[in-house]
PDB file of N, CA and C in Angstrom:
ATOM      1  N   GLN A   1     107.616 125.101  93.502  1.00  0.00           N
ATOM      2  CA  GLN A   1     107.279 123.904  92.816  1.00  0.00           C
ATOM      3  C   GLN A   1     108.056 123.164  92.854  1.00  0.00           C
ATOM      4  N   VAL A   2     107.494 121.860  93.037  1.00  0.00           N
ATOM      5  CA  VAL A   2     108.287 120.739  93.094  1.00  0.00           C
ATOM      6  C   VAL A   2     109.433 120.289  92.032  1.00  0.00           C
ATOM      7  N   GLN A   3     110.508 119.962  92.559  1.00  0.00           N
ATOM      8  CA  GLN A   3     111.807 120.147  91.498  1.00  0.00           C
ATOM      9  C   GLN A   3     112.490 118.784  92.310  1.00  0.00           C
ATOM     10  N   LEU A   4     112.916 117.765  91.153  1.00  0.00           N
ATOM     11  CA  LEU A   4     113.964 116.781  91.561  1.00  0.00           C
ATOM     12  C   LEU A   4     114.771 116.737  90.154  1.00  0.00           C
ATOM     13  N   VAL A   5     116.164 117.139  90.669  1.00  0.00           N
ATOM     14  CA  VAL A   5     117.138 116.961  89.723  1.00  0.00           C
ATOM     15  C   VAL A   5     118.526 115.876  90.094  1.00  0.00           C
ATOM     16  N   GLU A   6     118.521 115.077  89.061  1.00  0.00           N
ATOM     17  CA  GLU A   6     119.422 113.984  88.921  1.00  0.00           C
ATOM     18  C   GLU A   6     120.914 114.430  88.517  1.00  0.00           C
ATOM     19  N   SER A   7     121.828 113.890  88.968  1.00  0.00           N
ATOM     20  CA  SER A   7     123.196 114.197  88.717  1.00  0.00           C
ATOM     21  C   SER A   7     123.958 113.063  88.999  1.00  0.00           C
ATOM     22  N   GLY A   8     125.372 112.587  88.251  1.00  0.00           N
ATOM     23  CA  GLY A   8     126.196 111.786  88.389  1.00  0.00           C
ATOM     24  C   GLY A   8     126.153 110.709  87.454  1.00  0.00           C
ATOM     25  N   GLY A   9     125.314 111.174  86.386  1.00  0.00           N
ATOM     26  CA  GLY A   9     125.669 110.196  85.424  1.00  0.00           C
ATOM     27  C   GLY A   9     126.844 110.199  84.252  1.00  0.00           C
ATOM     28  N   GLY A  10     126.975 109.791  83.556  1.00  0.00           N
ATOM     29  CA  GLY A  10     128.195 109.537  82.576  1.00  0.00           C
ATOM     30  C   GLY A  10     128.551 108.297  81.976  1.00  0.00           C
ATOM     31  N   LEU A  11     129.975 108.420  81.753  1.00  0.00           N
ATOM     32  CA  LEU A  11     130.149 107.098  80.674  1.00  0.00           C
ATOM     33  C   LEU A  11     130.971 106.243  81.439  1.00  0.00           C
ATOM     34  N   VAL A  12     130.954 105.060  81.690  1.00  0.00           N
ATOM     35  CA  VAL A  12     131.680 103.938  82.242  1.00  0.00           C
ATOM     36  C   VAL A  12     132.061 102.864  81.622  1.00  0.00           C
ATOM     37  N   GLN A  13     132.882 102.334  81.822  1.00  0.00           N
ATOM     38  CA  GLN A  13     132.843 100.909  81.263  1.00  0.00           C
ATOM     39  C   GLN A  13     132.574  99.756  82.100  1.00  0.00           C
ATOM     40  N   ALA A  14     132.059  98.735  81.447  1.00  0.00           N
ATOM     41  CA  ALA A  14     131.443  97.271  82.212  1.00  0.00           C
ATOM     42  C   ALA A  14     132.360  96.901  82.985  1.00  0.00           C
ATOM     43  N   GLY A  15     131.360  96.878  84.357  1.00  0.00           N
ATOM     44  CA  GLY A  15     132.103  96.305  85.393  1.00  0.00           C
ATOM     45  C   GLY A  15     132.538  97.690  86.647  1.00  0.00           C
ATOM     46  N   GLY A  16     131.974  98.633  86.079  1.00  0.00           N
ATOM     47  CA  GLY A  16     132.560 100.118  86.719  1.00  0.00           C
ATOM     48  C   GLY A  16     131.019 100.275  87.641  1.00  0.00           C
ATOM     49  N   SER A  17     131.319 101.467  88.229  1.00  0.00           N
ATOM     50  CA  SER A  17     130.435 101.890  89.259  1.00  0.00           C
ATOM     51  C   SER A  17     130.143 103.479  88.743  1.00  0.00           C
ATOM     52  N   LEU A  18     129.102 103.636  89.667  1.00  0.00           N
ATOM     53  CA  LEU A  18     128.962 105.247  89.434  1.00  0.00           C
ATOM     54  C   LEU A  18     127.880 105.483  90.737  1.00  0.00           C
ATOM     55  N   ARG A  19     127.727 106.662  91.008  1.00  0.00           N
ATOM     56  CA  ARG A  19     126.516 107.021  92.283  1.00  0.00           C
ATOM     57  C   ARG A  19     125.863 108.046  91.623  1.00  0.00           C
ATOM     58  N   LEU A  20     124.492 107.809  91.448  1.00  0.00           N
ATOM     59  CA  LEU A  20     123.698 109.006  91.066  1.00  0.00           C
ATOM     60  C   LEU A  20     122.982 109.557  92.408  1.00  0.00           C
ATOM     61  N   SER A  21     122.615 110.659  92.078  1.00  0.00           N
ATOM     62  CA  SER A  21     121.823 111.671  93.183  1.00  0.00           C
ATOM     63  C   SER A  21     120.703 112.345  92.736  1.00  0.00           C
ATOM     64  N   CYS A  22     119.614 112.173  93.152  1.00  0.00           N
ATOM     65  CA  CYS A  22     118.442 112.946  93.301  1.00  0.00           C
ATOM     66  C   CYS A  22     118.337 114.135  94.244  1.00  0.00           C
ATOM     67  N   ALA A  23     118.406 115.549  93.928  1.00  0.00           N
ATOM     68  CA  ALA A  23     118.196 116.188  94.987  1.00  0.00           C
ATOM     69  C   ALA A  23     116.387 117.208  94.831  1.00  0.00           C
ATOM     70  N   ALA A  24     115.759 116.939  95.693  1.00  0.00           N
ATOM     71  CA  ALA A  24     114.418 117.122  95.683  1.00  0.00           C
ATOM     72  C   ALA A  24     114.234 118.682  96.349  1.00  0.00           C
ATOM     73  N   SER A  25     113.561 119.504  95.975  1.00  0.00           N
ATOM     74  CA  SER A  25     112.958 120.842  96.818  1.00  0.00           C
ATOM     75  C   SER A  25     111.305 120.862  96.140  1.00  0.00           C
ATOM     76  N   GLY A  26     110.944 121.752  97.205  1.00  0.00           N
ATOM     77  CA  GLY A  26     109.316 122.100  96.997  1.00  0.00           C
ATOM     78  C   GLY A  26     108.697 121.147  97.334  1.00  0.00           C
ATOM     79  N   LEU A  27     108.749 120.151  98.257  1.00  0.00           N
ATOM     80  CA  LEU A  27     107.710 119.021  98.793  1.00  0.00           C
ATOM     81  C   LEU A  27     108.621 118.671 100.218  1.00  0.00           C
ATOM     82  N   THR A  28     107.755 118.160 101.103  1.00  0.00           N
ATOM     83  CA  THR A  28     108.213 117.707 102.444  1.00  0.00           C
ATOM     84  C   THR A  28     108.848 116.147 102.305  1.00  0.00           C
ATOM     85  N   PHE A  29     110.227 116.255 101.826  1.00  0.00           N
ATOM     86  CA  PHE A  29     110.673 115.385 101.335  1.00  0.00           C
ATOM     87  C   PHE A  29     110.538 113.988 102.131  1.00  0.00           C
ATOM     88  N   SER A  30     110.658 113.681 103.516  1.00  0.00           N
ATOM     89  CA  SER A  30     110.510 112.942 104.058  1.00  0.00           C
ATOM     90  C   SER A  30     108.943 112.101 104.140  1.00  0.00           C
ATOM     91  N   ASN A  31     108.027 113.050 103.546  1.00  0.00           N
ATOM     92  CA  ASN A  31     106.795 112.290 103.449  1.00  0.00           C
ATOM     93  C   ASN A  31     106.559 111.462 102.099  1.00  0.00           C
ATOM     94  N   TYR A  32     107.769 111.411 101.133  1.00  0.00           N
ATOM     95  CA  TYR A  32     107.706 110.741 100.133  1.00  0.00           C
ATOM     96  C   TYR A  32     108.506 109.286 100.154  1.00  0.00           C
ATOM     97  N   ALA A  33     107.605 108.327  99.570  1.00  0.00           N
ATOM     98  CA  ALA A  33     108.886 107.221  99.183  1.00  0.00           C
ATOM     99  C   ALA A  33     109.287 107.896  97.677  1.00  0.00           C
ATOM    100  N   MET A  34     110.631 107.309  97.465  1.00  0.00           N
ATOM    101  CA  MET A  34     111.483 107.767  96.250  1.00  0.00           C
ATOM    102  C   MET A  34     111.439 106.700  95.668  1.00  0.00           C
ATOM    103  N   GLY A  35     111.878 107.073  93.776  1.00  0.00           N
ATOM    104  CA  GLY A  35     112.172 105.738  93.221  1.00  0.00           C
ATOM    105  C   GLY A  35     113.009 106.407  92.053  1.00  0.00           C
ATOM    106  N   TRP A  36     114.022 105.172  91.672  1.00  0.00           N
ATOM    107  CA  TRP A  36     114.501 105.326  90.409  1.00  0.00           C
ATOM    108  C   TRP A  36     113.893 104.475  89.200  1.00  0.00           C
ATOM    109  N   PHE A  37     113.873 105.186  87.714  1.00  0.00           N
ATOM    110  CA  PHE A  37     113.412 104.661  86.858  1.00  0.00           C
ATOM    111  C   PHE A  37     114.449 104.781  85.726  1.00  0.00           C
ATOM    112  N   ARG A  38     114.789 103.804  84.656  1.00  0.00           N
ATOM    113  CA  ARG A  38     115.217 104.266  83.787  1.00  0.00           C
ATOM    114  C   ARG A  38     114.498 103.894  81.984  1.00  0.00           C
ATOM    115  N   GLN A  39     115.190 104.570  81.394  1.00  0.00           N
ATOM    116  CA  GLN A  39     114.595 104.215  79.782  1.00  0.00           C
ATOM    117  C   GLN A  39     115.622 103.998  78.790  1.00  0.00           C
ATOM    118  N   ALA A  40     115.718 103.210  78.173  1.00  0.00           N
ATOM    119  CA  ALA A  40     116.772 102.755  77.097  1.00  0.00           C
ATOM    120  C   ALA A  40     116.261 103.276  75.827  1.00  0.00           C
ATOM    121  N   PRO A  41     116.976 103.529  74.994  1.00  0.00           N
ATOM    122  CA  PRO A  41     116.448 104.268  73.738  1.00  0.00           C
ATOM    123  C   PRO A  41     115.611 102.964  72.771  1.00  0.00           C
ATOM    124  N   GLY A  42     114.352 103.447  72.547  1.00  0.00           N
ATOM    125  CA  GLY A  42     113.143 102.381  72.326  1.00  0.00           C
ATOM    126  C   GLY A  42     112.588 101.497  72.963  1.00  0.00           C
ATOM    127  N   LYS A  43     112.788 102.008  74.443  1.00  0.00           N
ATOM    128  CA  LYS A  43     112.163 101.110  75.227  1.00  0.00           C
ATOM    129  C   LYS A  43     111.224 101.941  75.865  1.00  0.00           C
ATOM    130  N   GLU A  44     110.542 101.269  76.830  1.00  0.00           N
ATOM    131  CA  GLU A  44     109.803 101.716  77.600  1.00  0.00           C
ATOM    132  C   GLU A  44     110.343 102.058  78.775  1.00  0.00           C
ATOM    133  N   ARG A  45     109.731 102.915  79.683  1.00  0.00           N
ATOM    134  CA  ARG A  45     110.490 103.442  80.901  1.00  0.00           C
ATOM    135  C   ARG A  45     110.362 102.188  82.215  1.00  0.00           C
ATOM    136  N   GLU A  46     111.284 101.766  82.686  1.00  0.00           N
ATOM    137  CA  GLU A  46     111.215 100.788  83.785  1.00  0.00           C
ATOM    138  C   GLU A  46     111.533 100.614  84.837  1.00  0.00           C
ATOM    139  N   PHE A  47     111.201 100.200  85.856  1.00  0.00           N
ATOM    140  CA  PHE A  47     111.436 100.335  87.536  1.00  0.00           C
ATOM    141  C   PHE A  47     112.649  99.937  87.740  1.00  0.00           C
ATOM    142  N   VAL A  48     113.576 100.532  88.421  1.00  0.00           N
ATOM    143  CA  VAL A  48     114.692 100.022  89.195  1.00  0.00           C
ATOM    144  C   VAL A  48     115.140  99.688  90.569  1.00  0.00           C
ATOM    145  N   ALA A  49     114.371 100.938  91.428  1.00  0.00           N
ATOM    146  CA  ALA A  49     114.411 100.782  92.508  1.00  0.00           C
ATOM    147  C   ALA A  49     113.964 101.973  93.450  1.00  0.00           C
ATOM    148  N   SER A  50     113.253 101.453  94.402  1.00  0.00           N
ATOM    149  CA  SER A  50     112.680 102.340  95.402  1.00  0.00           C
ATOM    150  C   SER A  50     112.789 102.026  96.986  1.00  0.00           C
ATOM    151  N   ILE A  51     112.293 103.260  97.468  1.00  0.00           N
ATOM    152  CA  ILE A  51     112.826 103.225  99.079  1.00  0.00           C
ATOM    153  C   ILE A  51     111.600 103.827  99.551  1.00  0.00           C
ATOM    154  N   SER A  52     111.293 103.204 100.594  1.00  0.00           N
ATOM    155  CA  SER A  52     110.617 103.993 101.712  1.00  0.00           C
ATOM    156  C   SER A  52     110.651 105.532 102.302  1.00  0.00           C
ATOM    157  N   TRP A  53     109.824 105.907 102.912  1.00  0.00           N
ATOM    158  CA  TRP A  53     109.951 107.137 103.311  1.00  0.00           C
ATOM    159  C   TRP A  53     110.830 107.367 104.297  1.00  0.00           C
ATOM    160  N   SER A  54     111.252 106.525 104.991  1.00  0.00           N
ATOM    161  CA  SER A  54     112.236 106.378 106.312  1.00  0.00           C
ATOM    162  C   SER A  54     113.553 105.452 106.081  1.00  0.00           C
ATOM    163  N   GLY A  55     113.433 104.912 104.628  1.00  0.00           N
ATOM    164  CA  GLY A  55     114.679 104.104 104.149  1.00  0.00           C
ATOM    165  C   GLY A  55     114.764 102.764 104.887  1.00  0.00           C
ATOM    166  N   GLY A  56     113.715 102.595 105.431  1.00  0.00           N
ATOM    167  CA  GLY A  56     113.906 101.274 105.980  1.00  0.00           C
ATOM    168  C   GLY A  56     113.049  99.973 105.152  1.00  0.00           C
ATOM    169  N   SER A  57     112.826 100.169 103.702  1.00  0.00           N
ATOM    170  CA  SER A  57     112.196  99.557 103.170  1.00  0.00           C
ATOM    171  C   SER A  57     112.609  99.910 101.816  1.00  0.00           C
ATOM    172  N   THR A  58     113.162  98.900 101.201  1.00  0.00           N
ATOM    173  CA  THR A  58     113.604  99.039  99.484  1.00  0.00           C
ATOM    174  C   THR A  58     113.171  97.737  98.830  1.00  0.00           C
ATOM    175  N   VAL A  59     112.956  98.377  97.510  1.00  0.00           N
ATOM    176  CA  VAL A  59     112.342  97.313  96.414  1.00  0.00           C
ATOM    177  C   VAL A  59     113.327  97.407  95.195  1.00  0.00           C
ATOM    178  N   TYR A  60     113.808  96.437  94.643  1.00  0.00           N
ATOM    179  CA  TYR A  60     114.406  96.316  93.399  1.00  0.00           C
ATOM    180  C   TYR A  60     114.191  95.427  92.489  1.00  0.00           C
ATOM    181  N   ALA A  61     114.933  95.914  91.230  1.00  0.00           N
ATOM    182  CA  ALA A  61     114.255  94.905  90.175  1.00  0.00           C
ATOM    183  C   ALA A  61     115.200  94.103  90.215  1.00  0.00           C
ATOM    184  N   ASP A  62     114.431  92.854  89.231  1.00  0.00           N
ATOM    185  CA  ASP A  62     115.410  91.536  89.312  1.00  0.00           C
ATOM    186  C   ASP A  62     117.117  91.896  88.708  1.00  0.00           C
ATOM    187  N   SER A  63     116.743  92.530  87.754  1.00  0.00           N
ATOM    188  CA  SER A  63     117.888  92.867  86.806  1.00  0.00           C
ATOM    189  C   SER A  63     118.756  93.993  87.391  1.00  0.00           C
ATOM    190  N   VAL A  64     118.688  94.336  88.821  1.00  0.00           N
ATOM    191  CA  VAL A  64     119.790  95.051  89.397  1.00  0.00           C
ATOM    192  C   VAL A  64     119.913  94.413  91.011  1.00  0.00           C
ATOM    193  N   LYS A  65     119.069  93.664  91.125  1.00  0.00           N
ATOM    194  CA  LYS A  65     119.400  93.298  92.353  1.00  0.00           C
ATOM    195  C   LYS A  65     120.876  92.530  92.941  1.00  0.00           C
ATOM    196  N   GLY A  66     121.434  93.113  93.769  1.00  0.00           N
ATOM    197  CA  GLY A  66     122.625  92.617  94.379  1.00  0.00           C
ATOM    198  C   GLY A  66     123.775  93.684  93.544  1.00  0.00           C
ATOM    199  N   ARG A  67     123.354  94.234  92.692  1.00  0.00           N
ATOM    200  CA  ARG A  67     124.330  95.327  91.915  1.00  0.00           C
ATOM    201  C   ARG A  67     124.121  96.548  92.193  1.00  0.00           C
ATOM    202  N   PHE A  68     122.856  96.941  92.579  1.00  0.00           N
ATOM    203  CA  PHE A  68     122.457  98.615  92.947  1.00  0.00           C
ATOM    204  C   PHE A  68     122.124  98.469  94.218  1.00  0.00           C
ATOM    205  N   THR A  69     122.120  99.765  94.863  1.00  0.00           N
ATOM    206  CA  THR A  69     121.259 100.211  96.121  1.00  0.00           C
ATOM    207  C   THR A  69     121.131 101.556  96.087  1.00  0.00           C
ATOM    208  N   ILE A  70     119.798 101.490  96.662  1.00  0.00           N
ATOM    209  CA  ILE A  70     118.946 102.762  96.841  1.00  0.00           C
ATOM    210  C   ILE A  70     119.232 103.264  98.292  1.00  0.00           C
ATOM    211  N   SER A  71     119.296 104.457  98.550  1.00  0.00           N
ATOM    212  CA  SER A  71     119.480 104.950  99.877  1.00  0.00           C
ATOM    213  C   SER A  71     118.786 106.597  99.838  1.00  0.00           C
ATOM    214  N   ARG A  72     118.419 107.097 101.124  1.00  0.00           N
ATOM    215  CA  ARG A  72     118.122 108.548 101.149  1.00  0.00           C
ATOM    216  C   ARG A  72     118.846 109.091 102.071  1.00  0.00           C
ATOM    217  N   ASP A  73     118.990 110.442 102.398  1.00  0.00           N
ATOM    218  CA  ASP A  73     119.414 111.018 103.539  1.00  0.00           C
ATOM    219  C   ASP A  73     118.274 112.320 103.490  1.00  0.00           C
ATOM    220  N   ASN A  74     117.315 112.245 104.532  1.00  0.00           N
ATOM    221  CA  ASN A  74     116.062 112.929 104.510  1.00  0.00           C
ATOM    222  C   ASN A  74     116.729 114.385 105.167  1.00  0.00           C
ATOM    223  N   ALA A  75     117.549 114.477 105.534  1.00  0.00           N
ATOM    224  CA  ALA A  75     118.335 115.907 106.287  1.00  0.00           C
ATOM    225  C   ALA A  75     118.598 116.698 104.796  1.00  0.00           C
ATOM    226  N   LYS A  76     119.182 115.773 103.763  1.00  0.00           N
ATOM    227  CA  LYS A  76     119.920 116.716 102.570  1.00  0.00           C
ATOM    228  C   LYS A  76     118.760 116.769 101.373  1.00  0.00           C
ATOM    229  N   ASN A  77     117.604 116.311 101.982  1.00  0.00           N
ATOM    230  CA  ASN A  77     116.577 115.778 100.672  1.00  0.00           C
ATOM    231  C   ASN A  77     116.991 115.193  99.282  1.00  0.00           C
ATOM    232  N   THR A  78     117.744 114.127  99.638  1.00  0.00           N
ATOM    233  CA  THR A  78     118.436 113.653  98.508  1.00  0.00           C
ATOM    234  C   THR A  78     118.225 112.180  98.515  1.00  0.00           C
ATOM    235  N   VAL A  79     118.150 111.407  97.348  1.00  0.00           N
ATOM    236  CA  VAL A  79     118.303 110.216  97.162  1.00  0.00           C
ATOM    237  C   VAL A  79     118.920 109.769  96.177  1.00  0.00           C
ATOM    238  N   TYR A  80     119.749 108.460  96.649  1.00  0.00           N
ATOM    239  CA  TYR A  80     120.865 108.074  95.759  1.00  0.00           C
ATOM    240  C   TYR A  80     120.584 106.731  95.248  1.00  0.00           C
ATOM    241  N   LEU A  81     121.355 106.366  94.105  1.00  0.00           N
ATOM    242  CA  LEU A  81     121.207 105.091  93.554  1.00  0.00           C
ATOM    243  C   LEU A  81     122.665 104.838  93.311  1.00  0.00           C
ATOM    244  N   GLN A  82     123.221 103.620  94.307  1.00  0.00           N
ATOM    245  CA  GLN A  82     124.573 103.621  93.657  1.00  0.00           C
ATOM    246  C   GLN A  82     124.781 102.207  92.815  1.00  0.00           C
ATOM    247  N   MET A  83     125.395 102.067  91.809  1.00  0.00           N
ATOM    248  CA  MET A  83     125.710 101.082  90.880  1.00  0.00           C
ATOM    249  C   MET A  83     127.025 100.727  90.797  1.00  0.00           C
ATOM    250  N   HIS A  84     127.228  99.712  91.133  1.00  0.00           N
ATOM    251  CA  HIS A  84     128.289  98.840  90.798  1.00  0.00           C
ATOM    252  C   HIS A  84     128.224  97.285  89.542  1.00  0.00           C
ATOM    253  N   SER A  85     129.178  96.923  89.188  1.00  0.00           N
ATOM    254  CA  SER A  85     129.293  96.101  88.224  1.00  0.00           C
ATOM    255  C   SER A  85     128.271  96.012  87.117  1.00  0.00           C
ATOM    256  N   LEU A  86     128.482  97.645  86.701  1.00  0.00           N
ATOM    257  CA  LEU A  86     127.618  97.744  85.726  1.00  0.00           C
ATOM    258  C   LEU A  86     127.775  97.262  84.008  1.00  0.00           C
ATOM    259  N   LYS A  87     126.706  97.152  83.511  1.00  0.00           N
ATOM    260  CA  LYS A  87     126.796  96.015  82.243  1.00  0.00           C
ATOM    261  C   LYS A  87     126.064  97.000  81.162  1.00  0.00           C
ATOM    262  N   PRO A  88     126.569  96.647  80.125  1.00  0.00           N
ATOM    263  CA  PRO A  88     126.159  97.640  78.602  1.00  0.00           C
ATOM    264  C   PRO A  88     124.690  97.724  78.699  1.00  0.00           C
ATOM    265  N   GLU A  89     123.797  96.614  79.180  1.00  0.00           N
ATOM    266  CA  GLU A  89     122.151  96.627  79.249  1.00  0.00           C
ATOM    267  C   GLU A  89     122.020  97.836  80.119  1.00  0.00           C
ATOM    268  N   ASP A  90     122.694  98.137  81.197  1.00  0.00           N
ATOM    269  CA  ASP A  90     122.140  99.322  81.906  1.00  0.00           C
ATOM    270  C   ASP A  90     122.233 100.740  81.232  1.00  0.00           C
ATOM    271  N   THR A  91     122.686 100.666  80.099  1.00  0.00           N
ATOM    272  CA  THR A  91     122.482 102.086  79.471  1.00  0.00           C
ATOM    273  C   THR A  91     121.594 102.535  79.575  1.00  0.00           C
ATOM    274  N   ALA A  92     121.153 103.704  79.568  1.00  0.00           N
ATOM    275  CA  ALA A  92     119.820 104.391  79.812  1.00  0.00           C
ATOM    276  C   ALA A  92     119.604 106.028  80.163  1.00  0.00           C
ATOM    277  N   VAL A  93     118.889 106.512  80.275  1.00  0.00           N
ATOM    278  CA  VAL A  93     118.679 107.621  81.022  1.00  0.00           C
ATOM    279  C   VAL A  93     117.747 107.420  82.365  1.00  0.00           C
ATOM    280  N   TYR A  94     118.720 107.665  83.624  1.00  0.00           N
ATOM    281  CA  TYR A  94     117.805 107.421  84.389  1.00  0.00           C
ATOM    282  C   TYR A  94     117.094 108.465  85.352  1.00  0.00           C
ATOM    283  N   TYR A  95     115.732 108.176  85.985  1.00  0.00           N
ATOM    284  CA  TYR A  95     114.879 108.991  86.235  1.00  0.00           C
ATOM    285  C   TYR A  95     114.700 108.832  87.891  1.00  0.00           C
ATOM    286  N   CYS A  96     114.870 109.904  88.725  1.00  0.00           N
ATOM    287  CA  CYS A  96     114.261 109.560  90.098  1.00  0.00           C
ATOM    288  C   CYS A  96     112.696 110.394  89.937  1.00  0.00           C
ATOM    289  N   ALA A  97     112.202 109.538  91.021  1.00  0.00           N
ATOM    290  CA  ALA A  97     110.420 109.916  90.805  1.00  0.00           C
ATOM    291  C   ALA A  97     110.196 110.045  92.717  1.00  0.00           C
ATOM    292  N   ALA A  98     109.064 111.057  92.848  1.00  0.00           N
ATOM    293  CA  ALA A  98     108.640 110.907  94.152  1.00  0.00           C
ATOM    294  C   ALA A  98     107.163 110.407  94.127  1.00  0.00           C
ATOM    295  N   SER A  99     106.894 109.524  95.202  1.00  0.00           N
ATOM    296  CA  SER A  99     105.649 109.000  95.280  1.00  0.00           C
ATOM    297  C   SER A  99     104.952 109.234  96.246  1.00  0.00           C
ATOM    298  N   ILE A 100     103.617 109.578  96.447  1.00  0.00           N
ATOM    299  CA  ILE A 100     102.940 109.811  97.676  1.00  0.00           C
ATOM    300  C   ILE A 100     102.683 108.726  98.567  1.00  0.00           C
ATOM    301  N   VAL A 101     102.557 107.438  98.175  1.00  0.00           N
ATOM    302  CA  VAL A 101     102.561 106.577  98.882  1.00  0.00           C
ATOM    303  C   VAL A 101     103.341 106.431  99.969  1.00  0.00           C
ATOM    304  N   CYS A 102     102.761 106.634 101.055  1.00  0.00           N
ATOM    305  CA  CYS A 102     103.397 106.797 102.470  1.00  0.00           C
ATOM    306  C   CYS A 102     103.781 105.694 103.168  1.00  0.00           C
ATOM    307  N   PHE A 103     102.748 104.510 103.021  1.00  0.00           N
ATOM    308  CA  PHE A 103     102.942 103.103 104.209  1.00  0.00           C
ATOM    309  C   PHE A 103     102.966 102.020 103.141  1.00  0.00           C
ATOM    310  N   GLY A 104     103.942 101.007 103.665  1.00  0.00           N
ATOM    311  CA  GLY A 104     103.718  99.730 103.373  1.00  0.00           C
ATOM    312  C   GLY A 104     105.200  99.884 102.206  1.00  0.00           C
ATOM    313  N   VAL A 105     104.971  98.746 101.398  1.00  0.00           N
ATOM    314  CA  VAL A 105     106.380  98.570 100.426  1.00  0.00           C
ATOM    315  C   VAL A 105     106.299  99.882  99.660  1.00  0.00           C
ATOM    316  N   PRO A 106     107.413 100.214  99.212  1.00  0.00           N
ATOM    317  CA  PRO A 106     107.670 101.418  98.217  1.00  0.00           C
ATOM    318  C   PRO A 106     107.415 101.198  97.101  1.00  0.00           C
ATOM    319  N   PRO A 107     106.513 101.769  96.054  1.00  0.00           N
ATOM    320  CA  PRO A 107     105.799 101.469  94.739  1.00  0.00           C
ATOM    321  C   PRO A 107     107.010 101.098  93.880  1.00  0.00           C
ATOM    322  N   SER A 108     106.465 100.579  92.713  1.00  0.00           N
ATOM    323  CA  SER A 108     107.599 100.033  91.821  1.00  0.00           C
ATOM    324  C   SER A 108     106.577 100.326  90.473  1.00  0.00           C
ATOM    325  N   LYS A 109     105.397 100.922  90.682  1.00  0.00           N
ATOM    326  CA  LYS A 109     104.963 101.374  89.177  1.00  0.00           C
ATOM    327  C   LYS A 109     104.902 102.745  88.915  1.00  0.00           C
ATOM    328  N   LYS A 110     104.675 103.303  87.957  1.00  0.00           N
ATOM    329  CA  LYS A 110     105.123 104.526  87.183  1.00  0.00           C
ATOM    330  C   LYS A 110     103.913 105.338  87.620  1.00  0.00           C
ATOM    331  N   TYR A 111     102.781 104.684  87.656  1.00  0.00           N
ATOM    332  CA  TYR A 111     101.295 105.612  87.587  1.00  0.00           C
ATOM    333  C   TYR A 111     101.446 105.961  89.325  1.00  0.00           C
ATOM    334  N   GLU A 112     102.323 105.623  90.047  1.00  0.00           N
ATOM    335  CA  GLU A 112     102.225 105.682  91.590  1.00  0.00           C
ATOM    336  C   GLU A 112     102.980 106.753  91.826  1.00  0.00           C
ATOM    337  N   TYR A 113     103.961 107.625  90.819  1.00  0.00           N
ATOM    338  CA  TYR A 113     104.518 108.448  91.378  1.00  0.00           C
ATOM    339  C   TYR A 113     104.190 109.859  90.943  1.00  0.00           C
ATOM    340  N   ALA A 114     104.313 110.686  91.675  1.00  0.00           N
ATOM    341  CA  ALA A 114     103.542 112.041  91.366  1.00  0.00           C
ATOM    342  C   ALA A 114     104.411 113.090  90.433  1.00  0.00           C
ATOM    343  N   TYR A 115     105.842 112.886  90.991  1.00  0.00           N
ATOM    344  CA  TYR A 115     106.822 113.845  90.230  1.00  0.00           C
ATOM    345  C   TYR A 115     108.244 113.224  89.820  1.00  0.00           C
ATOM    346  N   TRP A 116     108.715 113.800  88.928  1.00  0.00           N
ATOM    347  CA  TRP A 116     109.854 112.961  88.102  1.00  0.00           C
ATOM    348  C   TRP A 116     110.978 114.098  88.016  1.00  0.00           C
ATOM    349  N   GLY A 117     111.909 113.431  87.820  1.00  0.00           N
ATOM    350  CA  GLY A 117     113.005 114.506  87.445  1.00  0.00           C
ATOM    351  C   GLY A 117     113.099 114.678  85.746  1.00  0.00           C
ATOM    352  N   GLN A 118     114.303 115.160  85.421  1.00  0.00           N
ATOM    353  CA  GLN A 118     114.652 115.267  83.754  1.00  0.00           C
ATOM    354  C   GLN A 118     115.276 114.383  83.698  1.00  0.00           C
ATOM    355  N   GLY A 119     116.197 113.467  84.324  1.00  0.00           N
ATOM    356  CA  GLY A 119     116.885 112.738  83.676  1.00  0.00           C
ATOM    357  C   GLY A 119     118.390 112.931  83.787  1.00  0.00           C
ATOM    358  N   THR A 120     119.068 111.948  84.191  1.00  0.00           N
ATOM    359  CA  THR A 120     120.411 111.803  83.646  1.00  0.00           C
ATOM    360  C   THR A 120     120.699 110.701  82.723  1.00  0.00           C
ATOM    361  N   GLN A 121     121.966 110.584  82.016  1.00  0.00           N
ATOM    362  CA  GLN A 121     122.211 109.710  81.254  1.00  0.00           C
ATOM    363  C   GLN A 121     123.417 108.795  81.802  1.00  0.00           C
ATOM    364  N   VAL A 122     123.118 107.675  81.712  1.00  0.00           N
ATOM    365  CA  VAL A 122     124.222 106.666  81.935  1.00  0.00           C
ATOM    366  C   VAL A 122     124.594 105.682  80.786  1.00  0.00           C
ATOM    367  N   ALA A 123     125.831 105.697  80.326  1.00  0.00           N
ATOM    368  CA  ALA A 123     126.315 104.980  79.291  1.00  0.00           C
ATOM    369  C   ALA A 123     127.445 103.885  79.789  1.00  0.00           C
ATOM    370  N   VAL A 124     127.297 102.666  79.401  1.00  0.00           N
ATOM    371  CA  VAL A 124     128.254 101.671  80.043  1.00  0.00           C
ATOM    372  C   VAL A 124     128.795 100.954  78.534  1.00  0.00           C
ATOM    373  N   SER A 125     130.120 101.260  78.139  1.00  0.00           N
ATOM    374  CA  SER A 125     130.559 100.530  77.152  1.00  0.00           C
ATOM    375  C   SER A 125     131.152  99.178  77.481  1.00  0.00           C
ATOM    376  N   SER A 126     131.046  98.446  76.363  1.00  0.00           N
ATOM    377  CA  SER A 126     131.665  97.060  76.402  1.00  0.00           C
ATOM    378  C   SER A 126     133.206  96.960  76.614  1.00  0.00           C
TER     379      SER A 126
END
């Protein structure tokens, strides 16, 4: 079965950096666009970033643009989220997800993603 396993979360001070990883198995990874979402306590899950199957196209939420970078390594079946200049408002559980949308701009809506990981906690202290 499809498994997405996130790692790399933790506690960091404001202004610091973290790199999240998501290892995929049970699917042909290069056929899927991948995305990162996050959910803070008491809030809805929100889009963070997405990347096309080839890595040639990326989309970012305005709140992370210029600070976060999504990338993928299809040989390793892994997608990454490099986060810099972290802020307390970035505190959330971060989820990776796989979308069957293969063409065009990588999706940013939750309903466009078929598979989800269990999440990794990111906490940013002020």
